Amino acid sequence: MYVDRLEGGVSRTMTRPLALAPSVEIVPVAELPADVRGRLAGSESDCILSDPTSRVNSMRIDAHTAELLGRFTDPSRIVDAVIEHATTRPFLRRRGRRTHPAT
């Protein structure tokens, strides 16, 4: 596999802004018709991630992942999006670990 590297071995992917393709859709499960929601497992706070122009199947993602991916609707470096996401999300301390609160 080819990896584009800068000096010091840092991947360009980590330093360049990235953005979701304009065709990518993140749709909350709660917005789907009731008959469709009834056939899907998981939480109503989940979202469906899809790209109608892709051959990849749509996938269900949790609300936290959808929120993080939403930060890439405009170009953003991965590190900036993760830091922004982490500083705006409430975390709970449990058994010495940081975890997301239940949604």
Protein backbone atom coordinates (compact mmCIF):
# COMPACT_ATOMS: atom_id res chain seq x y z
CA MET A 1 0.00 0.00 0.00
CA TYR A 2 1.30 3.42 -0.95
CA VAL A 3 1.40 6.04 1.80
CA ASP A 4 2.18 9.63 0.90
CA ARG A 5 4.71 10.83 3.49
CA LEU A 6 6.26 14.13 4.41
CA GLU A 7 9.61 14.69 6.07
CA GLY A 8 9.73 12.99 9.45
CA GLY A 9 7.41 10.19 8.34
CA VAL A 10 4.15 12.11 8.87
CA SER A 11 1.38 11.13 6.48
CA ARG A 12 0.01 14.00 4.38
CA THR A 13 -3.46 12.76 5.28
CA MET A 14 -2.83 13.91 8.84
CA THR A 15 -1.73 17.39 7.82
CA ARG A 16 -4.04 18.17 4.89
CA PRO A 17 -7.65 19.28 5.29
CA LEU A 18 -10.13 16.54 4.41
CA ALA A 19 -13.80 16.85 3.54
CA LEU A 20 -16.66 14.47 2.98
CA ALA A 21 -17.73 14.17 -0.64
CA PRO A 22 -20.73 16.40 -1.35
CA SER A 23 -22.74 13.27 -2.18
CA VAL A 24 -22.33 11.79 1.34
CA GLU A 25 -25.53 11.84 3.36
CA ILE A 26 -25.90 11.48 7.13
CA VAL A 27 -29.57 10.96 7.93
CA PRO A 28 -30.88 10.53 11.50
CA VAL A 29 -32.81 7.27 11.89
CA ALA A 30 -35.54 9.27 13.64
CA GLU A 31 -36.22 11.06 10.32
CA LEU A 32 -36.85 7.82 8.42
CA PRO A 33 -40.40 6.58 7.80
CA ALA A 34 -41.85 4.51 10.67
CA ASP A 35 -41.98 1.30 8.60
CA VAL A 36 -38.26 1.61 7.78
CA ARG A 37 -37.33 2.38 11.40
CA GLY A 38 -39.26 -0.72 12.48
CA ARG A 39 -37.01 -2.95 10.34
CA LEU A 40 -33.79 -1.46 11.68
CA ALA A 41 -32.07 -2.49 14.88
CA GLY A 42 -30.29 -0.03 17.14
CA SER A 43 -31.10 3.31 18.70
CA GLU A 44 -33.33 6.01 17.26
CA SER A 45 -30.47 8.45 17.94
CA ASP A 46 -28.32 6.59 15.37
CA CYS A 47 -27.82 7.84 11.81
CA ILE A 48 -27.52 6.27 8.39
CA LEU A 49 -24.32 7.12 6.50
CA SER A 50 -24.60 6.71 2.75
CA ASP A 51 -23.29 7.91 -0.56
CA PRO A 52 -25.71 7.36 -3.43
CA THR A 53 -22.82 7.63 -5.91
CA SER A 54 -20.83 4.85 -4.22
CA ARG A 55 -21.08 1.08 -4.54
CA VAL A 56 -20.52 0.76 -0.79
CA ASN A 57 -23.61 -0.14 1.25
CA SER A 58 -25.11 2.41 3.60
CA MET A 59 -24.20 1.86 7.24
CA ARG A 60 -25.71 2.70 10.57
CA ILE A 61 -23.50 4.85 12.81
CA ASP A 62 -24.08 6.16 16.30
CA ALA A 63 -24.90 9.80 16.95
CA HIS A 64 -21.39 10.57 18.28
CA THR A 65 -19.75 9.26 15.10
CA ALA A 66 -22.23 11.20 12.97
CA GLU A 67 -21.37 14.35 14.88
CA LEU A 68 -17.64 13.81 14.32
CA LEU A 69 -18.10 13.07 10.61
CA GLY A 70 -20.29 16.17 10.32
CA ARG A 71 -17.21 18.22 11.15
CA PHE A 72 -15.87 17.25 7.73
CA THR A 73 -18.66 18.85 5.68
CA ASP A 74 -16.19 21.72 5.35
CA PRO A 75 -12.50 20.87 4.88
CA SER A 76 -10.78 20.21 8.20
CA ARG A 77 -7.60 18.54 9.35
CA ILE A 78 -8.28 15.30 11.24
CA VAL A 79 -6.49 16.55 14.34
CA ASP A 80 -8.51 19.80 14.38
CA ALA A 81 -11.83 17.97 13.97
CA VAL A 82 -11.00 15.47 16.71
CA ILE A 83 -9.88 18.17 19.14
CA GLU A 84 -12.96 20.29 18.42
CA HIS A 85 -15.21 17.25 18.81
CA ALA A 86 -13.55 16.16 22.05
CA THR A 87 -13.72 19.61 23.62
CA THR A 88 -17.42 20.05 22.84
CA ARG A 89 -18.56 16.57 23.98
CA PRO A 90 -19.47 15.93 27.59
CA PHE A 91 -17.57 13.01 29.09
CA LEU A 92 -18.19 11.01 32.22
CA ARG A 93 -15.50 9.45 34.37
CA ARG A 94 -16.08 5.77 35.10
CA ARG A 95 -13.55 3.40 36.57
CA GLY A 96 -10.70 5.64 35.53
CA ARG A 97 -11.81 5.82 31.88
CA ARG A 98 -13.41 8.65 29.94
CA THR A 99 -16.59 7.52 28.23
CA HIS A 100 -19.45 9.17 26.37
CA PRO A 101 -22.66 9.47 28.34
CA ALA A 102 -25.54 7.33 27.12
CA THR A 103 -27.74 8.97 24.50
